[in-house]
N, C-alpha and C. Protein backbone atom coordinates (compact mmCIF):
# COMPACT_ATOMS: atom_id res chain seq x y z
N MET A 1 0.79 -1.35 0.00
CA MET A 1 0.07 -0.07 0.19
C MET A 1 0.88 1.22 0.14
N THR A 2 1.88 1.41 0.83
CA THR A 2 2.60 2.16 0.81
C THR A 2 3.49 2.90 -0.39
N ARG A 3 3.85 1.80 -1.09
CA ARG A 3 4.64 1.63 -2.41
C ARG A 3 3.92 2.29 -3.30
N ARG A 4 2.38 1.76 -3.49
CA ARG A 4 1.39 2.32 -4.23
C ARG A 4 1.24 3.65 -4.17
N LEU A 5 0.99 4.11 -2.64
CA LEU A 5 0.92 5.61 -2.69
C LEU A 5 2.07 6.48 -2.93
N GLY A 6 3.11 6.01 -2.80
CA GLY A 6 4.22 6.59 -3.25
C GLY A 6 4.50 6.91 -4.77
N ALA A 7 4.12 5.87 -5.32
CA ALA A 7 3.96 5.77 -6.66
C ALA A 7 3.09 7.04 -7.30
N LEU A 8 1.67 6.79 -6.63
CA LEU A 8 0.91 7.64 -7.25
C LEU A 8 1.30 9.29 -6.77
N ALA A 9 2.04 9.41 -5.52
CA ALA A 9 2.30 10.70 -5.14
C ALA A 9 3.44 11.31 -6.34
N ALA A 10 4.40 10.37 -6.69
CA ALA A 10 5.44 10.78 -7.72
C ALA A 10 4.74 10.82 -9.17
N ALA A 11 3.64 10.32 -9.26
CA ALA A 11 3.09 10.50 -10.64
C ALA A 11 2.26 11.84 -10.54
N ALA A 12 1.83 12.42 -9.68
CA ALA A 12 1.20 13.46 -9.55
C ALA A 12 2.01 14.77 -9.34
N VAL A 13 3.21 14.42 -8.88
CA VAL A 13 4.28 15.72 -8.77
C VAL A 13 4.74 15.80 -10.42
N THR A 14 5.04 14.49 -10.89
CA THR A 14 5.57 14.60 -12.15
C THR A 14 4.71 15.45 -13.10
N ALA A 15 3.29 14.79 -13.30
CA ALA A 15 2.24 15.49 -13.75
C ALA A 15 2.10 16.94 -13.90
N ALA A 16 2.11 17.21 -12.32
CA ALA A 16 2.18 18.89 -12.34
C ALA A 16 2.97 19.76 -12.63
N ALA A 17 4.54 18.84 -12.81
CA ALA A 17 5.55 19.71 -13.02
C ALA A 17 5.27 19.63 -14.55
N VAL A 18 4.97 18.66 -15.26
CA VAL A 18 5.08 18.64 -16.86
C VAL A 18 3.92 19.68 -17.23
N LEU A 19 2.76 19.72 -16.72
CA LEU A 19 1.75 20.42 -17.18
C LEU A 19 2.03 22.05 -16.80
N THR A 20 2.90 22.53 -15.73
CA THR A 20 3.16 23.43 -15.57
C THR A 20 4.39 23.98 -16.24
N GLY A 21 4.73 23.08 -17.14
CA GLY A 21 6.35 23.55 -17.95
C GLY A 21 7.35 23.68 -16.95
N THR A 22 7.52 23.31 -15.97
CA THR A 22 8.67 23.18 -15.24
C THR A 22 9.72 22.33 -15.36
N LEU A 23 9.22 21.13 -16.02
CA LEU A 23 9.99 20.14 -16.33
C LEU A 23 9.14 19.50 -17.81
N SER A 24 10.37 19.14 -18.72
CA SER A 24 10.04 18.72 -19.98
C SER A 24 10.40 17.11 -20.01
N ALA A 25 9.73 16.26 -21.06
CA ALA A 25 10.37 15.29 -21.39
C ALA A 25 11.99 15.24 -21.67
N GLY A 26 12.36 14.48 -21.18
CA GLY A 26 13.95 14.06 -21.15
C GLY A 26 14.97 15.09 -20.45
N SER A 27 14.05 15.84 -19.48
CA SER A 27 14.95 16.67 -18.84
C SER A 27 15.29 16.01 -17.22
N ALA A 28 15.95 16.60 -16.74
CA ALA A 28 16.46 16.06 -15.24
C ALA A 28 16.42 17.30 -14.08
N ASP A 29 15.81 17.15 -13.14
CA ASP A 29 15.48 18.08 -12.02
C ASP A 29 16.88 18.03 -11.06
N ALA A 30 16.59 18.57 -9.96
CA ALA A 30 17.76 18.83 -9.10
C ALA A 30 18.31 17.19 -8.61
N ALA A 31 17.39 16.56 -8.74
CA ALA A 31 17.31 15.29 -8.16
C ALA A 31 17.99 14.19 -9.01
N SER A 32 18.17 14.56 -10.03
CA SER A 32 18.76 13.68 -11.18
C SER A 32 17.67 12.79 -11.61
N VAL A 33 16.56 13.21 -11.53
CA VAL A 33 15.39 12.24 -12.30
C VAL A 33 14.91 12.87 -13.67
N TYR A 34 14.96 11.82 -14.36
CA TYR A 34 14.91 12.32 -15.90
C TYR A 34 13.68 11.55 -16.31
N TYR A 35 12.87 12.43 -17.17
CA TYR A 35 11.58 12.17 -17.43
C TYR A 35 11.64 11.99 -19.07
N TYR A 36 10.49 10.70 -19.16
CA TYR A 36 10.38 10.52 -20.43
C TYR A 36 9.13 9.67 -20.68
N LYS A 37 8.61 9.42 -21.77
CA LYS A 37 7.02 8.89 -21.79
C LYS A 37 6.80 7.65 -22.04
N THR A 38 6.05 6.81 -21.66
CA THR A 38 5.76 5.36 -22.35
C THR A 38 5.21 5.46 -23.43
N TRP A 39 5.67 4.28 -24.44
CA TRP A 39 5.20 4.31 -25.72
C TRP A 39 5.37 2.58 -26.21
N ARG A 40 4.45 2.49 -27.31
CA ARG A 40 4.60 1.00 -27.75
C ARG A 40 4.12 0.01 -26.67
N THR A 41 3.34 0.34 -25.89
CA THR A 41 2.59 -0.35 -25.06
C THR A 41 1.36 -1.06 -25.72
N ASP A 42 0.72 -2.17 -25.18
CA ASP A 42 -0.64 -2.44 -25.51
C ASP A 42 -1.83 -1.70 -24.52
N GLY A 43 -1.42 -0.62 -23.89
CA GLY A 43 -2.08 0.22 -23.10
C GLY A 43 -1.64 -0.01 -21.75
N THR A 44 -0.88 -0.90 -21.14
CA THR A 44 -0.37 -1.05 -19.90
C THR A 44 0.95 -1.31 -19.99
N LEU A 45 1.62 -0.93 -18.97
CA LEU A 45 3.42 -1.40 -18.60
C LEU A 45 3.24 -1.71 -17.40
N ALA A 46 3.98 -2.95 -17.17
CA ALA A 46 4.19 -3.37 -15.86
C ALA A 46 5.51 -2.83 -15.05
N GLU A 47 5.26 -2.57 -14.06
CA GLU A 47 6.18 -2.35 -12.81
C GLU A 47 6.74 -3.17 -12.10
N GLN A 48 7.73 -3.45 -12.42
CA GLN A 48 8.30 -4.74 -11.67
C GLN A 48 9.20 -4.48 -10.12
N PHE A 49 9.35 -5.33 -9.53
CA PHE A 49 10.09 -5.25 -8.08
C PHE A 49 11.34 -5.26 -8.59
N THR A 50 12.06 -6.38 -9.31
CA THR A 50 13.16 -6.18 -9.91
C THR A 50 13.20 -5.97 -11.49
N PRO A 51 14.62 -5.90 -11.86
CA PRO A 51 14.49 -5.83 -13.38
C PRO A 51 14.44 -7.14 -14.44
N THR A 52 13.17 -7.67 -13.90
CA THR A 52 12.92 -8.94 -14.63
C THR A 52 11.82 -8.85 -14.63
N PRO A 53 10.76 -9.70 -15.54
CA PRO A 53 9.63 -9.88 -15.49
C PRO A 53 9.10 -11.00 -14.43
N GLY A 54 7.89 -10.94 -14.10
CA GLY A 54 7.11 -11.70 -13.17
C GLY A 54 7.20 -11.65 -11.86
N ASN A 55 7.35 -10.23 -11.56
CA ASN A 55 7.24 -9.84 -10.11
C ASN A 55 6.66 -8.31 -10.13
N VAL A 56 5.30 -8.19 -10.83
CA VAL A 56 4.69 -6.88 -10.91
C VAL A 56 4.42 -6.41 -9.48
N VAL A 57 4.73 -5.09 -9.51
CA VAL A 57 4.34 -4.33 -8.15
C VAL A 57 3.14 -3.30 -8.46
N GLY A 58 2.90 -3.08 -9.86
CA GLY A 58 2.01 -2.10 -10.17
C GLY A 58 2.01 -1.93 -11.71
N TRP A 59 1.22 -1.00 -11.87
CA TRP A 59 0.87 -0.82 -13.57
C TRP A 59 0.80 0.64 -14.00
N ILE A 60 1.61 1.19 -14.97
CA ILE A 60 1.46 2.14 -15.49
C ILE A 60 0.48 2.20 -16.94
N TYR A 61 -0.50 2.94 -16.81
CA TYR A 61 -1.75 2.90 -17.93
C TYR A 61 -1.09 4.00 -19.01
N GLY A 62 -1.40 3.63 -20.46
CA GLY A 62 -1.55 4.58 -21.38
C GLY A 62 -0.28 4.58 -22.14
N ASN A 63 -0.14 5.10 -23.30
CA ASN A 63 0.88 5.39 -23.99
C ASN A 63 1.27 6.99 -23.93
N GLY A 64 2.38 7.79 -23.45
CA GLY A 64 2.41 9.04 -23.50
C GLY A 64 2.37 9.31 -21.93
N THR A 65 2.23 8.41 -21.11
CA THR A 65 2.39 8.73 -19.74
C THR A 65 3.96 9.03 -19.07
N THR A 66 3.91 9.96 -18.38
CA THR A 66 5.11 10.53 -17.94
C THR A 66 5.87 9.84 -17.05
N VAL A 67 7.03 9.29 -16.96
CA VAL A 67 7.86 8.23 -15.86
C VAL A 67 8.93 9.02 -15.65
N GLY A 68 9.26 8.98 -14.21
CA GLY A 68 10.53 9.64 -13.92
C GLY A 68 11.62 8.60 -13.51
N ILE A 69 12.67 8.64 -14.39
CA ILE A 69 13.87 7.49 -14.43
C ILE A 69 14.91 8.22 -13.47
N VAL A 70 15.83 7.29 -12.53
CA VAL A 70 16.57 7.71 -11.91
C VAL A 70 17.89 6.97 -12.28
N CYS A 71 17.68 5.64 -13.04
CA CYS A 71 19.22 5.30 -13.47
C CYS A 71 18.48 3.99 -14.41
N GLN A 72 19.58 3.54 -14.96
CA GLN A 72 19.34 2.36 -15.97
C GLN A 72 20.31 1.03 -15.35
N VAL A 73 19.59 0.10 -15.99
CA VAL A 73 20.52 -1.20 -15.15
C VAL A 73 20.19 -2.43 -16.55
N TRP A 74 21.34 -3.31 -16.83
CA TRP A 74 21.26 -4.20 -17.53
C TRP A 74 21.12 -5.58 -16.67
N SER A 75 20.07 -6.26 -17.56
CA SER A 75 19.36 -7.48 -16.63
C SER A 75 19.59 -8.70 -17.74
N GLU A 76 19.42 -9.78 -17.27
CA GLU A 76 19.30 -11.04 -18.11
C GLU A 76 17.97 -11.01 -18.47
N GLY A 77 16.98 -10.57 -17.75
CA GLY A 77 15.44 -10.77 -18.03
C GLY A 77 14.92 -9.79 -19.29
N THR A 78 14.42 -10.53 -20.00
CA THR A 78 13.62 -9.67 -21.11
C THR A 78 12.17 -9.93 -21.47
N VAL A 79 11.52 -9.21 -22.08
CA VAL A 79 9.85 -8.95 -22.06
C VAL A 79 9.67 -9.30 -23.64
N ASP A 80 8.27 -9.78 -23.70
CA ASP A 80 7.80 -10.20 -24.88
C ASP A 80 8.68 -10.72 -25.97
N GLY A 81 9.36 -11.56 -25.83
CA GLY A 81 10.46 -12.28 -26.98
C GLY A 81 11.21 -11.13 -27.22
N LEU A 82 11.40 -10.21 -26.64
CA LEU A 82 12.33 -8.77 -27.30
C LEU A 82 13.84 -9.53 -26.83
N PRO A 83 14.83 -8.87 -27.79
CA PRO A 83 16.35 -9.30 -27.38
C PRO A 83 17.06 -8.27 -26.43
N TYR A 84 16.35 -7.43 -25.88
CA TYR A 84 17.16 -6.08 -25.18
C TYR A 84 17.16 -6.60 -23.71
N HIS A 85 18.15 -5.84 -23.12
CA HIS A 85 18.12 -5.98 -21.66
C HIS A 85 18.47 -4.89 -20.91
N VAL A 86 17.84 -3.65 -21.23
CA VAL A 86 17.88 -2.38 -20.47
C VAL A 86 16.78 -2.21 -19.96
N TRP A 87 16.73 -1.99 -18.20
CA TRP A 87 15.62 -1.71 -17.62
C TRP A 87 15.88 -0.44 -17.13
N ASP A 88 14.63 0.29 -16.71
CA ASP A 88 14.96 1.84 -16.18
C ASP A 88 14.27 1.61 -14.62
N GLN A 89 14.88 2.05 -13.50
CA GLN A 89 14.67 2.25 -12.31
C GLN A 89 13.92 3.39 -12.25
N LEU A 90 12.61 3.43 -11.71
CA LEU A 90 11.81 4.95 -11.59
C LEU A 90 11.86 5.35 -10.30
N GLN A 91 11.68 6.61 -9.80
CA GLN A 91 11.28 7.50 -8.92
C GLN A 91 10.96 6.41 -7.63
N ASN A 92 10.10 5.59 -7.72
CA ASN A 92 9.52 5.06 -6.68
C ASN A 92 10.12 3.55 -6.29
N GLY A 93 11.24 3.19 -7.05
CA GLY A 93 11.97 1.77 -6.78
C GLY A 93 11.87 1.02 -7.67
N SER A 94 10.88 0.99 -8.35
CA SER A 94 10.24 -0.04 -9.20
C SER A 94 10.93 0.02 -10.48
N TYR A 95 10.81 -0.87 -11.33
CA TYR A 95 11.85 -1.29 -12.74
C TYR A 95 10.59 -1.36 -13.89
N VAL A 96 10.78 -0.68 -15.14
CA VAL A 96 10.20 -0.90 -16.28
C VAL A 96 11.10 -1.14 -17.45
N TYR A 97 10.67 -2.01 -18.56
CA TYR A 97 11.54 -2.37 -19.70
C TYR A 97 11.66 -1.38 -20.46
N ASP A 98 13.04 -0.90 -20.74
CA ASP A 98 13.20 0.63 -21.44
C ASP A 98 13.03 0.14 -22.78
N TYR A 99 12.41 -0.65 -23.49
CA TYR A 99 12.04 -0.64 -24.81
C TYR A 99 10.67 0.18 -24.73
N TYR A 100 10.04 -0.04 -23.89
CA TYR A 100 8.72 0.84 -23.96
C TYR A 100 8.71 2.54 -23.17
N ILE A 101 9.94 2.67 -23.44
CA ILE A 101 10.00 4.30 -22.68
C ILE A 101 10.73 5.05 -23.64
N THR A 102 10.57 6.27 -23.73
CA THR A 102 10.92 7.02 -25.04
C THR A 102 12.19 7.59 -24.70
N THR A 103 13.05 6.70 -24.13
CA THR A 103 14.52 7.27 -23.75
C THR A 103 15.29 7.34 -25.33
N PRO A 104 16.27 8.28 -25.56
CA PRO A 104 16.58 8.65 -26.86
C PRO A 104 17.83 7.63 -27.27
N ALA A 105 18.36 6.62 -26.55
CA ALA A 105 19.39 5.63 -27.29
C ALA A 105 18.54 4.53 -28.05
N PRO A 106 19.26 3.89 -28.94
CA PRO A 106 18.64 2.73 -29.59
C PRO A 106 18.24 1.79 -28.94
N ASP A 107 17.32 0.91 -29.26
CA ASP A 107 16.80 -0.03 -28.72
C ASP A 107 18.07 -0.99 -28.14
N GLY A 108 18.14 -1.38 -26.86
CA GLY A 108 18.80 -2.27 -26.24
C GLY A 108 20.09 -1.57 -25.72
N GLN A 109 20.21 -0.10 -25.77
CA GLN A 109 21.59 0.37 -25.67
C GLN A 109 21.21 1.63 -24.42
N PHE A 110 22.17 1.61 -23.53
CA PHE A 110 21.85 2.70 -22.35
C PHE A 110 21.82 4.14 -22.64
N THR A 111 21.16 5.10 -22.44
CA THR A 111 20.88 6.58 -22.52
C THR A 111 22.14 7.03 -21.89
N THR A 112 23.56 7.81 -22.69
CA THR A 112 24.19 8.10 -21.90
C THR A 112 23.76 9.39 -20.78
N SER A 113 23.00 10.17 -20.79
CA SER A 113 22.65 11.11 -19.75
C SER A 113 21.86 10.42 -18.83
N ILE A 114 21.41 9.13 -18.71
CA ILE A 114 21.11 8.62 -17.55
C ILE A 114 22.08 7.72 -16.90
N PRO A 115 22.44 7.93 -15.56
CA PRO A 115 23.21 7.21 -15.03
C PRO A 115 23.03 5.48 -14.96
N ARG A 116 23.85 4.78 -14.53
CA ARG A 116 23.60 3.25 -14.31
C ARG A 116 23.36 3.27 -13.21
N CYS A 117 22.32 2.09 -12.69
CA CYS A 117 22.21 1.96 -11.44
C CYS A 117 23.48 1.30 -10.83
N GLN A 118 23.42 1.66 -9.45
CA GLN A 118 24.78 0.87 -8.70
C GLN A 118 24.08 -0.64 -8.26
N VAL A 119 24.97 -1.45 -8.04
CA VAL A 119 24.60 -2.72 -7.29
C VAL A 119 23.78 -2.51 -6.21
N GLY A 120 22.89 -3.23 -6.14
CA GLY A 120 21.85 -3.19 -4.97
C GLY A 120 20.77 -2.09 -4.86
N ASP A 121 20.85 -1.30 -5.97
CA ASP A 121 19.91 -0.07 -6.02
C ASP A 121 18.47 -1.02 -6.35
């Protein structure tokens, strides 16, 4: 419950910042959170407890939803039969598969402006 409330609060802050123009997609705030949007989903994107499929902790609904990324990590886990291994850790601590986020790097590669997650993050 606490994790879901934290995710909702983070989403509300992010949405307010984007709507008021204080942050834009692909920008970072003072806490080094990088904002991008969801895309290429079937309308839902699973938030995972770890950067592997099968441990869903929540859902992001709709393409075009803004998410705040704090770092990226390489993982053995892939999704939907795709060959990519980059995952994004969100502000709330959950992970999403980078293929479904509008980060600027080519599919399967790290975005240079987003830091790598430290082991244990």
